Amino acid sequence: MTTKTSGQGRPAATFARPSRATSRLLLSLLLAASAALPAFAQQATPAAAANAPALVPDAMTLPDRALMFANDINSLLVSGKTSAVAADYQPTDGKVKSVLQRALALLGTPYRWGGTSPDKGFDCSGLVSYVFRNALGVELPRVSRDQARTGELIADKSELAEGDLVFFGKRGRVDHVGIYVGEGRFVHAPSSGKDVMVSSLETGYWSGKYMQARRVAGI
């Protein structure tokens, strides 16, 4: 802010125009704040949600959201604010961070049944296999029902930690998998016509389909 003398001899305040960098920073802060408003998103009408997709945290598919999550993943891991993570769990040698960065960088990739690559698209288990192979060199079974028999069973949902595999299904049969990213959310390739996205594990469709979780050996 600067001042100059007005016609009546009193100093008048003037404000410098915000720079482009400042405007971008403000926009980023608004996007981050919008992701923290699940209550607002749940109360919004379908029409309002369609007109304001950036305010709906259960369907984050835009590339800038991927970048935002990838850049901020370190603070997510060390902030201690992820209430769904076991208090005594600590990431091993940055492996969890590598898994989450790799997965979140794929937000917006189209779903494709049988897909296993960013170029052609992913199905749910193809996404999980690709992420662990490229982030850690870990080979997982190709289909979700076999992945559900891999690693350590996490019996208590409250003990979920970032990087755990979360499984969904019906009538006791696993038919979907994603990767837990903390704060009650997971990244996954949902179904035909949709893209890789982050969804809520606590509310909505997937909360009712949740079956179990597994922790891959070595992370």
C-alpha atoms as a PDB file:
ATOM      1  CA  MET A   1       0.000   0.000   0.000  1.00  0.00           C
ATOM      2  CA  THR A   2       1.154   3.561  -0.762  1.00  0.00           C
ATOM      3  CA  THR A   3      -0.210   6.978   0.220  1.00  0.00           C
ATOM      4  CA  LYS A   4      -0.589  10.273  -1.603  1.00  0.00           C
ATOM      5  CA  THR A   5      -2.069  13.635  -0.665  1.00  0.00           C
ATOM      6  CA  SER A   6      -5.710  14.144  -1.629  1.00  0.00           C
ATOM      7  CA  GLY A   7      -7.194  17.384  -2.843  1.00  0.00           C
ATOM      8  CA  GLN A   8      -8.203  18.272   0.763  1.00  0.00           C
ATOM      9  CA  GLY A   9      -4.651  17.830   2.039  1.00  0.00           C
ATOM     10  CA  ARG A  10      -5.352  14.469   3.717  1.00  0.00           C
ATOM     11  CA  PRO A  11      -3.335  11.386   2.800  1.00  0.00           C
ATOM     12  CA  ALA A  12      -5.321   8.970   0.689  1.00  0.00           C
ATOM     13  CA  ALA A  13      -4.542   5.265   0.583  1.00  0.00           C
ATOM     14  CA  THR A  14      -3.991   3.541  -2.727  1.00  0.00           C
ATOM     15  CA  PHE A  15      -3.453  -0.181  -3.323  1.00  0.00           C
ATOM     16  CA  ALA A  16      -1.110  -1.730  -5.838  1.00  0.00           C
ATOM     17  CA  ARG A  17      -2.698  -4.100  -8.333  1.00  0.00           C
ATOM     18  CA  PRO A  18      -1.999  -7.750  -7.326  1.00  0.00           C
ATOM     19  CA  SER A  19       0.725  -9.353  -9.413  1.00  0.00           C
ATOM     20  CA  ARG A  20       0.006 -12.353 -11.594  1.00  0.00           C
ATOM     21  CA  ALA A  21       2.018 -14.549  -9.220  1.00  0.00           C
ATOM     22  CA  THR A  22      -0.057 -13.325  -6.277  1.00  0.00           C
ATOM     23  CA  SER A  23      -3.276 -14.087  -8.152  1.00  0.00           C
ATOM     24  CA  ARG A  24      -2.070 -17.594  -8.897  1.00  0.00           C
ATOM     25  CA  LEU A  25      -1.187 -18.114  -5.231  1.00  0.00           C
ATOM     26  CA  LEU A  26      -4.649 -16.972  -4.154  1.00  0.00           C
ATOM     27  CA  LEU A  27      -6.234 -19.333  -6.681  1.00  0.00           C
ATOM     28  CA  SER A  28      -4.166 -22.239  -5.363  1.00  0.00           C
ATOM     29  CA  LEU A  29      -5.212 -21.435  -1.795  1.00  0.00           C
ATOM     30  CA  LEU A  30      -8.854 -21.361  -2.844  1.00  0.00           C
ATOM     31  CA  LEU A  31      -8.511 -24.758  -4.531  1.00  0.00           C
ATOM     32  CA  ALA A  32      -6.879 -26.210  -1.436  1.00  0.00           C
ATOM     33  CA  ALA A  33      -9.580 -24.744   0.776  1.00  0.00           C
ATOM     34  CA  SER A  34     -12.307 -26.189  -1.423  1.00  0.00           C
ATOM     35  CA  ALA A  35     -10.943 -29.697  -0.886  1.00  0.00           C
ATOM     36  CA  ALA A  36     -11.506 -29.230   2.847  1.00  0.00           C
ATOM     37  CA  LEU A  37     -15.233 -28.591   2.564  1.00  0.00           C
ATOM     38  CA  PRO A  38     -16.832 -32.066   2.428  1.00  0.00           C
ATOM     39  CA  ALA A  39     -19.866 -30.863   4.381  1.00  0.00           C
ATOM     40  CA  PHE A  40     -20.536 -28.185   1.795  1.00  0.00           C
ATOM     41  CA  ALA A  41     -20.154 -30.707  -1.023  1.00  0.00           C
ATOM     42  CA  GLN A  42     -22.592 -33.125   0.619  1.00  0.00           C
ATOM     43  CA  GLN A  43     -25.230 -30.385   0.995  1.00  0.00           C
ATOM     44  CA  ALA A  44     -24.873 -29.077  -2.550  1.00  0.00           C
ATOM     45  CA  THR A  45     -27.614 -29.949  -5.020  1.00  0.00           C
ATOM     46  CA  PRO A  46     -26.717 -32.011  -8.112  1.00  0.00           C
ATOM     47  CA  ALA A  47     -27.101 -28.907 -10.279  1.00  0.00           C
ATOM     48  CA  ALA A  48     -24.785 -26.900  -8.053  1.00  0.00           C
ATOM     49  CA  ALA A  49     -22.267 -29.724  -8.019  1.00  0.00           C
ATOM     50  CA  ALA A  50     -22.323 -29.880 -11.804  1.00  0.00           C
ATOM     51  CA  ASN A  51     -21.678 -26.149 -12.020  1.00  0.00           C
ATOM     52  CA  ALA A  52     -18.874 -26.196  -9.440  1.00  0.00           C
ATOM     53  CA  PRO A  53     -16.826 -29.411  -9.792  1.00  0.00           C
ATOM     54  CA  ALA A  54     -13.829 -27.869  -8.024  1.00  0.00           C
ATOM     55  CA  LEU A  55     -15.825 -27.831  -4.777  1.00  0.00           C
ATOM     56  CA  VAL A  56     -16.549 -31.562  -4.802  1.00  0.00           C
ATOM     57  CA  PRO A  57     -13.699 -33.444  -3.074  1.00  0.00           C
ATOM     58  CA  ASP A  58     -15.118 -36.903  -3.886  1.00  0.00           C
ATOM     59  CA  ALA A  59     -14.417 -36.572  -7.631  1.00  0.00           C
ATOM     60  CA  MET A  60     -11.055 -34.878  -8.113  1.00  0.00           C
ATOM     61  CA  THR A  61      -9.876 -35.609 -11.653  1.00  0.00           C
ATOM     62  CA  LEU A  62      -8.345 -32.371 -12.939  1.00  0.00           C
ATOM     63  CA  PRO A  63      -4.606 -32.375 -13.732  1.00  0.00           C
ATOM     64  CA  ASP A  64      -4.026 -29.386 -11.460  1.00  0.00           C
ATOM     65  CA  ARG A  65      -5.509 -31.349  -8.573  1.00  0.00           C
ATOM     66  CA  ALA A  66      -2.986 -34.120  -9.327  1.00  0.00           C
ATOM     67  CA  LEU A  67      -0.168 -31.604  -9.211  1.00  0.00           C
ATOM     68  CA  MET A  68      -1.507 -30.070  -6.016  1.00  0.00           C
ATOM     69  CA  PHE A  69      -1.649 -33.458  -4.287  1.00  0.00           C
ATOM     70  CA  ALA A  70       1.757 -34.579  -5.554  1.00  0.00           C
ATOM     71  CA  ASN A  71       3.463 -31.371  -4.434  1.00  0.00           C
ATOM     72  CA  ASP A  72       1.794 -31.452  -1.031  1.00  0.00           C
ATOM     73  CA  ILE A  73       2.170 -35.150  -0.313  1.00  0.00           C
ATOM     74  CA  ASN A  74       5.205 -34.708   1.918  1.00  0.00           C
ATOM     75  CA  SER A  75       3.287 -32.430   4.287  1.00  0.00           C
ATOM     76  CA  LEU A  76       0.430 -34.948   4.280  1.00  0.00           C
ATOM     77  CA  LEU A  77       2.785 -37.670   5.425  1.00  0.00           C
ATOM     78  CA  VAL A  78       4.509 -35.703   8.187  1.00  0.00           C
ATOM     79  CA  SER A  79       1.743 -33.393   9.387  1.00  0.00           C
ATOM     80  CA  GLY A  80       0.344 -35.875  11.879  1.00  0.00           C
ATOM     81  CA  LYS A  81      -3.164 -34.696  10.977  1.00  0.00           C
ATOM     82  CA  THR A  82      -4.263 -37.832   9.145  1.00  0.00           C
ATOM     83  CA  SER A  83      -6.660 -39.123  11.791  1.00  0.00           C
ATOM     84  CA  ALA A  84      -7.193 -42.471  10.090  1.00  0.00           C
ATOM     85  CA  VAL A  85      -3.493 -43.409  10.282  1.00  0.00           C
ATOM     86  CA  ALA A  86      -2.246 -45.547  13.143  1.00  0.00           C
ATOM     87  CA  ALA A  87      -0.316 -43.365  15.580  1.00  0.00           C
ATOM     88  CA  ASP A  88       2.741 -45.610  15.641  1.00  0.00           C
ATOM     89  CA  TYR A  89       3.019 -46.085  11.870  1.00  0.00           C
ATOM     90  CA  GLN A  90       5.959 -44.455  10.116  1.00  0.00           C
ATOM     91  CA  PRO A  91       6.743 -44.508   6.352  1.00  0.00           C
ATOM     92  CA  THR A  92       9.787 -46.623   5.462  1.00  0.00           C
ATOM     93  CA  ASP A  93      12.542 -44.842   3.507  1.00  0.00           C
ATOM     94  CA  GLY A  94      10.108 -42.666   1.633  1.00  0.00           C
ATOM     95  CA  LYS A  95       8.489 -45.662  -0.043  1.00  0.00           C
ATOM     96  CA  VAL A  96       4.981 -44.606   0.899  1.00  0.00           C
ATOM     97  CA  LYS A  97       5.642 -41.129  -0.457  1.00  0.00           C
ATOM     98  CA  SER A  98       6.853 -42.627  -3.750  1.00  0.00           C
ATOM     99  CA  VAL A  99       3.710 -44.754  -4.059  1.00  0.00           C
ATOM    100  CA  LEU A 100       1.373 -41.834  -3.401  1.00  0.00           C
ATOM    101  CA  GLN A 101       3.191 -39.451  -5.723  1.00  0.00           C
ATOM    102  CA  ARG A 102       3.130 -42.030  -8.515  1.00  0.00           C
ATOM    103  CA  ALA A 103      -0.564 -42.746  -7.998  1.00  0.00           C
ATOM    104  CA  LEU A 104      -1.713 -39.135  -7.695  1.00  0.00           C
ATOM    105  CA  ALA A 105       0.249 -38.123 -10.783  1.00  0.00           C
ATOM    106  CA  LEU A 106      -2.135 -40.403 -12.720  1.00  0.00           C
ATOM    107  CA  LEU A 107      -5.309 -38.534 -11.735  1.00  0.00           C
ATOM    108  CA  GLY A 108      -7.419 -37.907 -14.820  1.00  0.00           C
ATOM    109  CA  THR A 109      -6.197 -40.996 -16.721  1.00  0.00           C
ATOM    110  CA  PRO A 110      -9.211 -42.625 -18.423  1.00  0.00           C
ATOM    111  CA  TYR A 111     -10.622 -45.924 -17.174  1.00  0.00           C
ATOM    112  CA  ARG A 112     -10.197 -48.865 -19.504  1.00  0.00           C
ATOM    113  CA  TRP A 113     -11.173 -52.438 -18.705  1.00  0.00           C
ATOM    114  CA  GLY A 114      -8.014 -54.537 -18.713  1.00  0.00           C
ATOM    115  CA  GLY A 115      -5.861 -51.397 -18.978  1.00  0.00           C
ATOM    116  CA  THR A 116      -2.415 -51.356 -17.406  1.00  0.00           C
ATOM    117  CA  SER A 117      -0.719 -48.185 -18.679  1.00  0.00           C
ATOM    118  CA  PRO A 118      -1.170 -44.390 -18.701  1.00  0.00           C
ATOM    119  CA  ASP A 119      -1.233 -44.383 -22.507  1.00  0.00           C
ATOM    120  CA  LYS A 120      -4.119 -46.826 -22.859  1.00  0.00           C
ATOM    121  CA  GLY A 121      -5.859 -46.302 -19.520  1.00  0.00           C
ATOM    122  CA  PHE A 122      -6.313 -48.354 -16.359  1.00  0.00           C
ATOM    123  CA  ASP A 123      -8.781 -50.591 -14.675  1.00  0.00           C
ATOM    124  CA  CYS A 124      -8.661 -50.665 -10.868  1.00  0.00           C
ATOM    125  CA  SER A 125      -6.159 -53.483 -10.377  1.00  0.00           C
ATOM    126  CA  GLY A 126      -4.132 -52.383 -13.393  1.00  0.00           C
ATOM    127  CA  LEU A 127      -3.638 -48.979 -11.767  1.00  0.00           C
ATOM    128  CA  VAL A 128      -2.532 -50.516  -8.454  1.00  0.00           C
ATOM    129  CA  SER A 129      -0.133 -52.935 -10.164  1.00  0.00           C
ATOM    130  CA  TYR A 130       1.351 -50.160 -12.307  1.00  0.00           C
ATOM    131  CA  VAL A 131       1.904 -47.835  -9.336  1.00  0.00           C
ATOM    132  CA  PHE A 132       3.673 -50.392  -7.149  1.00  0.00           C
ATOM    133  CA  ARG A 133       5.763 -51.730 -10.031  1.00  0.00           C
ATOM    134  CA  ASN A 134       6.973 -48.292 -11.100  1.00  0.00           C
ATOM    135  CA  ALA A 135       7.287 -46.720  -7.655  1.00  0.00           C
ATOM    136  CA  LEU A 136       8.905 -49.627  -5.792  1.00  0.00           C
ATOM    137  CA  GLY A 137       9.626 -52.409  -8.270  1.00  0.00           C
ATOM    138  CA  VAL A 138       7.038 -54.570  -6.467  1.00  0.00           C
ATOM    139  CA  GLU A 139       5.038 -56.994  -8.601  1.00  0.00           C
ATOM    140  CA  LEU A 140       1.459 -57.509  -7.435  1.00  0.00           C
ATOM    141  CA  PRO A 141      -1.116 -59.982  -8.757  1.00  0.00           C
ATOM    142  CA  ARG A 142      -3.004 -58.690 -11.765  1.00  0.00           C
ATOM    143  CA  VAL A 143      -6.593 -58.891 -10.496  1.00  0.00           C
ATOM    144  CA  SER A 144      -8.142 -57.376  -7.373  1.00  0.00           C
ATOM    145  CA  ARG A 145      -9.351 -60.629  -5.800  1.00  0.00           C
ATOM    146  CA  ASP A 146      -5.778 -61.963  -5.873  1.00  0.00           C
ATOM    147  CA  GLN A 147      -4.345 -58.671  -4.632  1.00  0.00           C
ATOM    148  CA  ALA A 148      -6.748 -59.030  -1.674  1.00  0.00           C
ATOM    149  CA  ARG A 149      -4.725 -62.062  -0.554  1.00  0.00           C
ATOM    150  CA  THR A 150      -1.383 -60.229  -0.727  1.00  0.00           C
ATOM    151  CA  GLY A 151       0.411 -58.626   2.210  1.00  0.00           C
ATOM    152  CA  GLU A 152      -0.721 -58.013   5.781  1.00  0.00           C
ATOM    153  CA  LEU A 153      -4.437 -57.886   6.527  1.00  0.00           C
ATOM    154  CA  ILE A 154      -5.504 -54.644   8.241  1.00  0.00           C
ATOM    155  CA  ALA A 155      -8.484 -55.822  10.247  1.00  0.00           C
ATOM    156  CA  ASP A 156      -9.385 -52.499  11.839  1.00  0.00           C
ATOM    157  CA  LYS A 157     -10.351 -49.707   9.461  1.00  0.00           C
ATOM    158  CA  SER A 158      -9.068 -47.145  11.983  1.00  0.00           C
ATOM    159  CA  GLU A 159      -5.544 -48.525  11.476  1.00  0.00           C
ATOM    160  CA  LEU A 160      -5.394 -47.687   7.775  1.00  0.00           C
ATOM    161  CA  ALA A 161      -2.183 -45.973   6.698  1.00  0.00           C
ATOM    162  CA  GLU A 162      -1.156 -44.213   3.490  1.00  0.00           C
ATOM    163  CA  GLY A 163      -0.187 -46.701   0.804  1.00  0.00           C
ATOM    164  CA  ASP A 164      -2.474 -49.490   2.043  1.00  0.00           C
ATOM    165  CA  LEU A 165      -4.611 -51.274  -0.525  1.00  0.00           C
ATOM    166  CA  VAL A 166      -8.339 -50.905   0.110  1.00  0.00           C
ATOM    167  CA  PHE A 167     -10.785 -53.446  -1.311  1.00  0.00           C
ATOM    168  CA  PHE A 168     -14.465 -53.268  -2.149  1.00  0.00           C
ATOM    169  CA  GLY A 169     -17.132 -55.697  -3.259  1.00  0.00           C
ATOM    170  CA  LYS A 170     -20.485 -57.263  -2.544  1.00  0.00           C
ATOM    171  CA  ARG A 171     -21.735 -60.522  -1.083  1.00  0.00           C
ATOM    172  CA  GLY A 172     -18.237 -61.276   0.204  1.00  0.00           C
ATOM    173  CA  ARG A 173     -16.572 -61.094  -3.220  1.00  0.00           C
ATOM    174  CA  VAL A 174     -13.843 -58.523  -3.921  1.00  0.00           C
ATOM    175  CA  ASP A 175     -14.308 -56.701  -7.223  1.00  0.00           C
ATOM    176  CA  HIS A 176     -12.527 -53.357  -6.765  1.00  0.00           C
ATOM    177  CA  VAL A 177      -9.283 -51.972  -5.305  1.00  0.00           C
ATOM    178  CA  GLY A 178      -7.685 -48.601  -4.641  1.00  0.00           C
ATOM    179  CA  ILE A 179      -4.752 -47.061  -2.746  1.00  0.00           C
ATOM    180  CA  TYR A 180      -5.389 -45.254   0.531  1.00  0.00           C
ATOM    181  CA  VAL A 181      -3.984 -41.696   0.539  1.00  0.00           C
ATOM    182  CA  GLY A 182      -4.990 -40.594   4.047  1.00  0.00           C
ATOM    183  CA  GLU A 183      -7.739 -38.362   5.437  1.00  0.00           C
ATOM    184  CA  GLY A 184     -10.361 -41.018   4.691  1.00  0.00           C
ATOM    185  CA  ARG A 185      -9.721 -40.990   0.931  1.00  0.00           C
ATOM    186  CA  PHE A 186      -8.325 -43.328  -1.702  1.00  0.00           C
ATOM    187  CA  VAL A 187      -7.185 -43.074  -5.316  1.00  0.00           C
ATOM    188  CA  HIS A 188      -8.607 -45.529  -7.836  1.00  0.00           C
ATOM    189  CA  ALA A 189      -9.791 -46.175 -11.383  1.00  0.00           C
ATOM    190  CA  PRO A 190     -13.545 -46.456 -10.759  1.00  0.00           C
ATOM    191  CA  SER A 191     -15.447 -47.652 -13.836  1.00  0.00           C
ATOM    192  CA  SER A 192     -16.086 -47.197 -17.551  1.00  0.00           C
ATOM    193  CA  GLY A 193     -16.651 -43.581 -18.551  1.00  0.00           C
ATOM    194  CA  LYS A 194     -14.751 -42.217 -15.564  1.00  0.00           C
ATOM    195  CA  ASP A 195     -11.138 -41.258 -14.894  1.00  0.00           C
ATOM    196  CA  VAL A 196      -8.640 -42.067 -12.147  1.00  0.00           C
ATOM    197  CA  MET A 197      -9.829 -40.016  -9.168  1.00  0.00           C
ATOM    198  CA  VAL A 198      -9.750 -39.595  -5.402  1.00  0.00           C
ATOM    199  CA  SER A 199     -12.911 -40.713  -3.586  1.00  0.00           C
ATOM    200  CA  SER A 200     -14.131 -40.800  -0.002  1.00  0.00           C
ATOM    201  CA  LEU A 201     -13.880 -43.967   2.045  1.00  0.00           C
ATOM    202  CA  GLU A 202     -16.031 -42.492   4.809  1.00  0.00           C
ATOM    203  CA  THR A 203     -19.150 -41.357   2.955  1.00  0.00           C
ATOM    204  CA  GLY A 204     -20.978 -42.034  -0.285  1.00  0.00           C
ATOM    205  CA  TYR A 205     -21.071 -45.049  -2.567  1.00  0.00           C
ATOM    206  CA  TRP A 206     -17.699 -46.586  -1.754  1.00  0.00           C
ATOM    207  CA  SER A 207     -18.107 -46.444   2.019  1.00  0.00           C
ATOM    208  CA  GLY A 208     -20.875 -49.025   1.724  1.00  0.00           C
ATOM    209  CA  LYS A 209     -18.789 -51.302  -0.519  1.00  0.00           C
ATOM    210  CA  TYR A 210     -15.651 -51.382   1.649  1.00  0.00           C
ATOM    211  CA  MET A 211     -14.547 -54.900   2.641  1.00  0.00           C
ATOM    212  CA  GLN A 212     -10.941 -54.966   3.838  1.00  0.00           C
ATOM    213  CA  ALA A 213      -7.430 -53.523   3.508  1.00  0.00           C
ATOM    214  CA  ARG A 214      -3.958 -54.956   2.977  1.00  0.00           C
ATOM    215  CA  ARG A 215      -0.494 -53.548   3.600  1.00  0.00           C
ATOM    216  CA  VAL A 216       2.038 -54.555   0.953  1.00  0.00           C
ATOM    217  CA  ALA A 217       5.203 -56.054   2.412  1.00  0.00           C
ATOM    218  CA  GLY A 218       8.116 -53.633   2.600  1.00  0.00           C
ATOM    219  CA  ILE A 219       6.276 -50.324   2.972  1.00  0.00           C
END
